[in-house]
Amino acid sequence: MGNEFNRRKGRGVAKFLVLGILFIAVVGLATQFLWNALIPELFHGPVITFWQALGLLLLGKLLFGWHNHHRSWGDKWNRNREWKTRIKERMSHMTPEEQAKMREHFRNRCGRGFNSWYRNGWDACEPEDQEKPTKKED
């Protein structure tokens, strides 16, 4: 049983390595192609090889950082939760009438979320009480 687990684990590692090498090759070839298609003609720069393209990618990562300055996806979700927690805390101190008024304000301001904007366009995020400009007819 342990031997079968080790075989599956070995296949997973091999699959990860092959996909990693394939990804690096594709990104390197794409960089080389784009550089050679644009830079020599636009800026009279040199034509580069595959290995030089990989070196440029590594240099860019070293200079500009890895993975969005060490922010994780968890940070994004935590910030979203913090915002929701603040809103819930503010609403807990309001009377039911104030809560209803605030909900109505948000509905008038931004519709009912992304789907409302997607169906109705940007007009869904404008307050309804504002006058919209009319087109002048000649």
N, C-alpha and C. Protein backbone atom coordinates (compact mmCIF):
# COMPACT_ATOMS: atom_id res chain seq x y z
N MET A 1 0.82 -1.19 0.00
CA MET A 1 0.00 0.00 0.00
C MET A 1 0.87 1.26 0.00
N GLY A 2 1.91 1.27 0.81
CA GLY A 2 2.81 2.40 0.84
C GLY A 2 3.54 2.56 -0.48
N ASN A 3 3.82 1.44 -1.14
CA ASN A 3 4.51 1.49 -2.42
C ASN A 3 3.64 2.16 -3.49
N GLU A 4 2.34 1.87 -3.47
CA GLU A 4 1.42 2.49 -4.42
C GLU A 4 1.34 4.00 -4.18
N PHE A 5 1.31 4.41 -2.92
CA PHE A 5 1.28 5.83 -2.61
C PHE A 5 2.54 6.53 -3.12
N ASN A 6 3.69 5.90 -2.95
CA ASN A 6 4.93 6.49 -3.43
C ASN A 6 4.94 6.62 -4.94
N ARG A 7 4.35 5.64 -5.64
CA ARG A 7 4.29 5.74 -7.11
C ARG A 7 3.42 6.91 -7.54
N ARG A 8 2.26 7.07 -6.87
CA ARG A 8 1.38 8.21 -7.20
C ARG A 8 2.06 9.53 -6.88
N LYS A 9 2.77 9.56 -5.78
CA LYS A 9 3.48 10.77 -5.39
C LYS A 9 4.59 11.07 -6.41
N GLY A 10 5.27 10.04 -6.86
CA GLY A 10 6.32 10.20 -7.87
C GLY A 10 5.76 10.70 -9.18
N ARG A 11 4.60 10.19 -9.57
CA ARG A 11 3.95 10.67 -10.80
C ARG A 11 3.56 12.13 -10.68
N GLY A 12 3.07 12.52 -9.52
CA GLY A 12 2.68 13.91 -9.29
C GLY A 12 3.88 14.85 -9.37
N VAL A 13 5.01 14.41 -8.80
CA VAL A 13 6.22 15.23 -8.85
C VAL A 13 6.71 15.33 -10.29
N ALA A 14 6.71 14.21 -11.01
CA ALA A 14 7.15 14.22 -12.40
C ALA A 14 6.24 15.10 -13.25
N LYS A 15 4.94 15.00 -13.03
CA LYS A 15 3.99 15.83 -13.77
C LYS A 15 4.23 17.32 -13.48
N PHE A 16 4.48 17.66 -12.21
CA PHE A 16 4.76 19.04 -11.83
C PHE A 16 6.03 19.54 -12.51
N LEU A 17 7.07 18.72 -12.53
CA LEU A 17 8.33 19.12 -13.17
C LEU A 17 8.15 19.33 -14.67
N VAL A 18 7.46 18.41 -15.33
CA VAL A 18 7.25 18.52 -16.77
C VAL A 18 6.44 19.77 -17.10
N LEU A 19 5.37 20.00 -16.35
CA LEU A 19 4.55 21.19 -16.59
C LEU A 19 5.31 22.47 -16.28
N GLY A 20 6.16 22.44 -15.25
CA GLY A 20 6.98 23.60 -14.92
C GLY A 20 7.97 23.93 -16.02
N ILE A 21 8.64 22.91 -16.53
CA ILE A 21 9.60 23.11 -17.62
C ILE A 21 8.88 23.58 -18.87
N LEU A 22 7.72 23.01 -19.15
CA LEU A 22 6.94 23.43 -20.32
C LEU A 22 6.50 24.90 -20.18
N PHE A 23 6.07 25.29 -18.98
CA PHE A 23 5.66 26.68 -18.75
C PHE A 23 6.83 27.63 -18.97
N ILE A 24 7.99 27.31 -18.40
CA ILE A 24 9.16 28.17 -18.55
C ILE A 24 9.56 28.27 -20.02
N ALA A 25 9.50 27.15 -20.75
CA ALA A 25 9.85 27.16 -22.17
C ALA A 25 8.89 28.04 -22.97
N VAL A 26 7.59 27.92 -22.70
CA VAL A 26 6.60 28.72 -23.44
C VAL A 26 6.77 30.21 -23.14
N VAL A 27 6.96 30.56 -21.87
CA VAL A 27 7.15 31.96 -21.51
C VAL A 27 8.44 32.49 -22.12
N GLY A 28 9.51 31.70 -22.09
CA GLY A 28 10.77 32.12 -22.70
C GLY A 28 10.65 32.31 -24.21
N LEU A 29 9.98 31.39 -24.87
CA LEU A 29 9.80 31.53 -26.32
C LEU A 29 8.91 32.72 -26.66
N ALA A 30 7.87 32.96 -25.85
CA ALA A 30 7.00 34.11 -26.09
C ALA A 30 7.78 35.41 -25.91
N THR A 31 8.61 35.47 -24.88
CA THR A 31 9.43 36.66 -24.66
C THR A 31 10.41 36.88 -25.80
N GLN A 32 11.04 35.79 -26.23
CA GLN A 32 11.99 35.89 -27.34
C GLN A 32 11.28 36.36 -28.61
N PHE A 33 10.14 35.79 -28.90
CA PHE A 33 9.40 36.16 -30.11
C PHE A 33 8.97 37.62 -30.07
N LEU A 34 8.39 38.05 -28.95
CA LEU A 34 7.94 39.43 -28.85
C LEU A 34 9.10 40.42 -28.90
N TRP A 35 10.19 40.10 -28.23
CA TRP A 35 11.36 40.98 -28.27
C TRP A 35 11.88 41.11 -29.70
N ASN A 36 12.07 39.96 -30.34
CA ASN A 36 12.64 39.98 -31.69
C ASN A 36 11.70 40.58 -32.72
N ALA A 37 10.40 40.56 -32.45
CA ALA A 37 9.44 41.16 -33.38
C ALA A 37 9.34 42.66 -33.19
N LEU A 38 9.60 43.16 -31.99
CA LEU A 38 9.37 44.57 -31.70
C LEU A 38 10.65 45.40 -31.54
N ILE A 39 11.54 44.97 -30.69
CA ILE A 39 12.68 45.80 -30.29
C ILE A 39 13.63 46.12 -31.44
N PRO A 40 14.06 45.16 -32.26
CA PRO A 40 15.00 45.53 -33.33
C PRO A 40 14.43 46.57 -34.30
N GLU A 41 13.16 46.44 -34.62
CA GLU A 41 12.58 47.38 -35.59
C GLU A 41 12.25 48.73 -34.97
N LEU A 42 11.72 48.72 -33.74
CA LEU A 42 11.32 49.98 -33.11
C LEU A 42 12.51 50.78 -32.56
N PHE A 43 13.44 50.08 -31.89
CA PHE A 43 14.51 50.79 -31.19
C PHE A 43 15.90 50.43 -31.69
N HIS A 44 15.99 49.69 -32.77
CA HIS A 44 17.27 49.24 -33.35
C HIS A 44 18.10 48.48 -32.32
N GLY A 45 17.40 47.67 -31.50
CA GLY A 45 18.07 46.85 -30.49
C GLY A 45 18.51 45.52 -31.07
N PRO A 46 19.20 44.72 -30.27
CA PRO A 46 19.70 43.44 -30.76
C PRO A 46 18.61 42.37 -30.82
N VAL A 47 18.85 41.37 -31.62
CA VAL A 47 18.02 40.16 -31.64
C VAL A 47 18.55 39.26 -30.54
N ILE A 48 17.67 38.64 -29.75
CA ILE A 48 18.12 37.83 -28.62
C ILE A 48 17.81 36.36 -28.83
N THR A 49 18.51 35.53 -28.06
CA THR A 49 18.30 34.08 -28.10
C THR A 49 17.31 33.69 -27.00
N PHE A 50 16.94 32.42 -27.00
CA PHE A 50 16.03 31.90 -25.98
C PHE A 50 16.61 32.09 -24.59
N TRP A 51 17.88 31.79 -24.41
CA TRP A 51 18.52 31.89 -23.09
C TRP A 51 18.61 33.35 -22.63
N GLN A 52 18.84 34.25 -23.55
CA GLN A 52 18.85 35.67 -23.20
C GLN A 52 17.45 36.13 -22.79
N ALA A 53 16.43 35.59 -23.43
CA ALA A 53 15.05 35.92 -23.06
C ALA A 53 14.75 35.45 -21.64
N LEU A 54 15.18 34.22 -21.30
CA LEU A 54 14.99 33.73 -19.94
C LEU A 54 15.76 34.60 -18.94
N GLY A 55 16.96 35.03 -19.32
CA GLY A 55 17.74 35.92 -18.45
C GLY A 55 17.04 37.25 -18.23
N LEU A 56 16.42 37.78 -19.29
CA LEU A 56 15.65 39.03 -19.13
C LEU A 56 14.47 38.85 -18.18
N LEU A 57 13.79 37.73 -18.31
CA LEU A 57 12.67 37.46 -17.40
C LEU A 57 13.14 37.36 -15.95
N LEU A 58 14.24 36.67 -15.72
CA LEU A 58 14.79 36.53 -14.37
C LEU A 58 15.23 37.89 -13.85
N LEU A 59 15.88 38.69 -14.67
CA LEU A 59 16.30 40.03 -14.26
C LEU A 59 15.09 40.89 -13.89
N GLY A 60 14.05 40.82 -14.69
CA GLY A 60 12.84 41.58 -14.38
C GLY A 60 12.24 41.16 -13.05
N LYS A 61 12.22 39.87 -12.77
CA LYS A 61 11.69 39.38 -11.50
C LYS A 61 12.56 39.83 -10.33
N LEU A 62 13.88 39.81 -10.52
CA LEU A 62 14.77 40.25 -9.45
C LEU A 62 14.62 41.75 -9.18
N LEU A 63 14.46 42.54 -10.23
CA LEU A 63 14.35 43.99 -10.06
C LEU A 63 12.98 44.41 -9.55
N PHE A 64 11.92 43.79 -10.04
CA PHE A 64 10.57 44.26 -9.74
C PHE A 64 9.81 43.39 -8.75
N GLY A 65 10.40 42.32 -8.29
CA GLY A 65 9.80 41.52 -7.23
C GLY A 65 9.03 40.32 -7.73
N TRP A 66 8.63 39.52 -6.78
CA TRP A 66 7.93 38.27 -7.03
C TRP A 66 6.52 38.35 -6.48
N HIS A 67 5.57 37.84 -7.19
CA HIS A 67 4.20 37.62 -6.72
C HIS A 67 3.58 38.84 -6.06
N ASN A 68 3.52 39.94 -6.75
CA ASN A 68 2.78 41.12 -6.28
C ASN A 68 3.26 41.61 -4.92
N HIS A 69 4.55 41.72 -4.75
CA HIS A 69 5.15 42.25 -3.52
C HIS A 69 4.75 41.47 -2.29
N HIS A 70 4.75 40.19 -2.39
CA HIS A 70 4.52 39.25 -1.29
C HIS A 70 3.12 39.34 -0.70
N ARG A 71 2.17 39.88 -1.43
CA ARG A 71 0.78 39.85 -0.97
C ARG A 71 0.17 38.53 -1.42
N SER A 72 -0.57 37.95 -0.56
CA SER A 72 -1.20 36.68 -0.91
C SER A 72 -2.67 36.92 -1.22
N TRP A 73 -3.31 35.91 -1.78
CA TRP A 73 -4.75 36.00 -2.03
C TRP A 73 -5.50 36.15 -0.73
N GLY A 74 -4.95 35.57 0.34
CA GLY A 74 -5.61 35.69 1.63
C GLY A 74 -5.73 37.12 2.10
N ASP A 75 -4.72 37.95 1.80
CA ASP A 75 -4.78 39.36 2.17
C ASP A 75 -5.96 40.04 1.50
N LYS A 76 -6.17 39.74 0.23
CA LYS A 76 -7.28 40.36 -0.50
C LYS A 76 -8.61 39.98 0.14
N TRP A 77 -8.77 38.70 0.43
CA TRP A 77 -10.04 38.26 1.01
C TRP A 77 -10.22 38.81 2.42
N ASN A 78 -9.12 38.94 3.18
CA ASN A 78 -9.22 39.49 4.53
C ASN A 78 -9.64 40.95 4.49
N ARG A 79 -9.10 41.72 3.53
CA ARG A 79 -9.50 43.12 3.41
C ARG A 79 -10.99 43.21 3.10
N ASN A 80 -11.48 42.30 2.24
CA ASN A 80 -12.90 42.30 1.90
C ASN A 80 -13.73 41.98 3.14
N ARG A 81 -13.29 41.04 3.94
CA ARG A 81 -14.01 40.70 5.16
C ARG A 81 -13.99 41.87 6.15
N GLU A 82 -12.86 42.58 6.24
CA GLU A 82 -12.77 43.72 7.15
C GLU A 82 -13.79 44.79 6.76
N TRP A 83 -13.94 45.05 5.48
CA TRP A 83 -14.89 46.05 5.01
C TRP A 83 -16.31 45.64 5.39
N LYS A 84 -16.63 44.37 5.14
CA LYS A 84 -17.98 43.89 5.49
C LYS A 84 -18.21 43.97 6.99
N THR A 85 -17.19 43.66 7.78
CA THR A 85 -17.33 43.72 9.23
C THR A 85 -17.57 45.15 9.69
N ARG A 86 -16.85 46.11 9.11
CA ARG A 86 -17.06 47.52 9.48
C ARG A 86 -18.49 47.97 9.16
N ILE A 87 -18.98 47.59 7.97
CA ILE A 87 -20.35 47.98 7.59
C ILE A 87 -21.36 47.36 8.55
N LYS A 88 -21.18 46.07 8.86
CA LYS A 88 -22.12 45.41 9.78
C LYS A 88 -22.08 46.06 11.16
N GLU A 89 -20.87 46.45 11.61
CA GLU A 89 -20.76 47.10 12.91
C GLU A 89 -21.48 48.44 12.91
N ARG A 90 -21.30 49.23 11.86
CA ARG A 90 -21.98 50.52 11.77
C ARG A 90 -23.49 50.34 11.74
N MET A 91 -23.94 49.34 10.98
CA MET A 91 -25.39 49.14 10.86
C MET A 91 -25.99 48.60 12.15
N SER A 92 -25.19 47.91 12.97
CA SER A 92 -25.73 47.38 14.22
C SER A 92 -26.07 48.49 15.21
N HIS A 93 -25.44 49.65 15.07
CA HIS A 93 -25.70 50.78 15.96
C HIS A 93 -26.80 51.70 15.43
N MET A 94 -27.40 51.35 14.30
CA MET A 94 -28.44 52.19 13.70
C MET A 94 -29.82 51.66 14.05
N THR A 95 -30.77 52.55 13.97
CA THR A 95 -32.16 52.13 14.14
C THR A 95 -32.59 51.41 12.86
N PRO A 96 -33.67 50.63 12.90
CA PRO A 96 -34.14 49.96 11.69
C PRO A 96 -34.47 50.93 10.56
N GLU A 97 -34.96 52.13 10.91
CA GLU A 97 -35.28 53.12 9.88
C GLU A 97 -34.00 53.61 9.20
N GLU A 98 -32.95 53.85 10.00
CA GLU A 98 -31.67 54.30 9.44
C GLU A 98 -31.04 53.21 8.57
N GLN A 99 -31.17 51.95 9.02
CA GLN A 99 -30.65 50.84 8.23
C GLN A 99 -31.35 50.76 6.88
N ALA A 100 -32.68 50.90 6.89
CA ALA A 100 -33.44 50.84 5.64
C ALA A 100 -33.05 52.00 4.72
N LYS A 101 -32.85 53.18 5.32
CA LYS A 101 -32.45 54.34 4.53
C LYS A 101 -31.07 54.11 3.89
N MET A 102 -30.14 53.54 4.65
CA MET A 102 -28.80 53.28 4.12
C MET A 102 -28.85 52.24 3.00
N ARG A 103 -29.62 51.16 3.19
CA ARG A 103 -29.75 50.15 2.14
C ARG A 103 -30.32 50.75 0.86
N GLU A 104 -31.34 51.60 1.04
CA GLU A 104 -31.95 52.25 -0.13
C GLU A 104 -30.94 53.16 -0.82
N HIS A 105 -30.13 53.85 -0.04
CA HIS A 105 -29.09 54.71 -0.62
C HIS A 105 -28.12 53.89 -1.48
N PHE A 106 -27.65 52.73 -0.95
CA PHE A 106 -26.73 51.89 -1.71
C PHE A 106 -27.40 51.32 -2.96
N ARG A 107 -28.66 50.93 -2.84
CA ARG A 107 -29.37 50.40 -4.01
C ARG A 107 -29.50 51.46 -5.09
N ASN A 108 -29.83 52.69 -4.70
CA ASN A 108 -29.95 53.77 -5.67
C ASN A 108 -28.61 54.14 -6.28
N ARG A 109 -27.57 53.98 -5.50
CA ARG A 109 -26.26 54.40 -5.98
C ARG A 109 -25.63 53.37 -6.90
N CYS A 110 -25.72 52.10 -6.55
CA CYS A 110 -25.01 51.07 -7.32
C CYS A 110 -25.91 49.93 -7.75
N GLY A 111 -27.17 50.08 -7.80
CA GLY A 111 -28.03 49.00 -8.26
C GLY A 111 -27.98 47.83 -7.30
N ARG A 112 -28.11 46.67 -7.80
CA ARG A 112 -28.10 45.47 -6.95
C ARG A 112 -26.86 44.63 -7.18
N GLY A 113 -25.74 45.26 -7.41
CA GLY A 113 -24.49 44.54 -7.54
C GLY A 113 -24.02 44.49 -8.97
N PHE A 114 -23.04 43.63 -9.20
CA PHE A 114 -22.40 43.54 -10.50
C PHE A 114 -23.37 43.13 -11.59
N ASN A 115 -24.26 42.20 -11.30
CA ASN A 115 -25.20 41.76 -12.34
C ASN A 115 -26.08 42.90 -12.82
N SER A 116 -26.45 43.79 -11.91
CA SER A 116 -27.26 44.95 -12.30
C SER A 116 -26.46 45.85 -13.23
N TRP A 117 -25.19 46.09 -12.89
CA TRP A 117 -24.35 46.91 -13.76
C TRP A 117 -24.16 46.24 -15.11
N TYR A 118 -23.94 44.92 -15.08
CA TYR A 118 -23.67 44.19 -16.32
C TYR A 118 -24.87 44.25 -17.26
N ARG A 119 -26.06 44.16 -16.70
CA ARG A 119 -27.27 44.19 -17.54
C ARG A 119 -27.61 45.60 -17.99
N ASN A 120 -27.42 46.59 -17.10
CA ASN A 120 -27.91 47.94 -17.37
C ASN A 120 -26.84 48.93 -17.77
N GLY A 121 -25.59 48.56 -17.72
CA GLY A 121 -24.51 49.48 -18.08
C GLY A 121 -24.18 50.41 -16.94
N TRP A 122 -23.37 51.42 -17.23
CA TRP A 122 -22.90 52.34 -16.20
C TRP A 122 -24.04 53.13 -15.57
N ASP A 123 -25.15 53.30 -16.24
CA ASP A 123 -26.25 54.07 -15.69
C ASP A 123 -26.77 53.47 -14.38
N ALA A 124 -26.53 52.19 -14.15
CA ALA A 124 -27.02 51.55 -12.94
C ALA A 124 -26.30 52.08 -11.70
N CYS A 125 -25.11 52.66 -11.85
CA CYS A 125 -24.36 53.17 -10.70
C CYS A 125 -24.57 54.66 -10.49
N GLU A 126 -25.45 55.29 -11.22
CA GLU A 126 -25.73 56.71 -11.01
C GLU A 126 -26.99 56.84 -10.18
N PRO A 127 -27.00 57.79 -9.25
CA PRO A 127 -28.22 57.99 -8.46
C PRO A 127 -29.38 58.37 -9.38
N GLU A 128 -30.55 57.89 -9.03
CA GLU A 128 -31.71 58.11 -9.89
C GLU A 128 -32.21 59.55 -9.85
N ASP A 129 -31.92 60.28 -8.73
CA ASP A 129 -32.46 61.62 -8.61
C ASP A 129 -31.67 62.67 -9.39
N GLN A 130 -30.52 62.29 -9.95
CA GLN A 130 -29.76 63.24 -10.75
C GLN A 130 -30.37 63.36 -12.14
N GLU A 131 -30.30 64.58 -12.68
CA GLU A 131 -30.79 64.78 -14.04
C GLU A 131 -29.72 64.28 -15.00
N LYS A 132 -30.15 63.52 -15.98
CA LYS A 132 -29.24 63.05 -17.00
C LYS A 132 -29.28 64.04 -18.17
N PRO A 133 -28.11 64.32 -18.76
CA PRO A 133 -28.09 65.26 -19.88
C PRO A 133 -28.89 64.71 -21.05
N THR A 134 -29.62 65.58 -21.70
CA THR A 134 -30.40 65.17 -22.87
C THR A 134 -29.65 65.55 -24.11
N LYS A 135 -29.87 64.83 -25.18
CA LYS A 135 -29.23 65.12 -26.45
C LYS A 135 -29.94 66.28 -27.12
N LYS A 136 -29.13 67.15 -27.68
CA LYS A 136 -29.70 68.28 -28.41
C LYS A 136 -29.97 67.87 -29.83
N GLU A 137 -31.15 68.17 -30.26
CA GLU A 137 -31.51 67.85 -31.66
C GLU A 137 -31.37 69.08 -32.50
N ASP A 138 -30.83 68.93 -33.68
CA ASP A 138 -30.64 70.06 -34.61
C ASP A 138 -31.87 70.25 -35.46
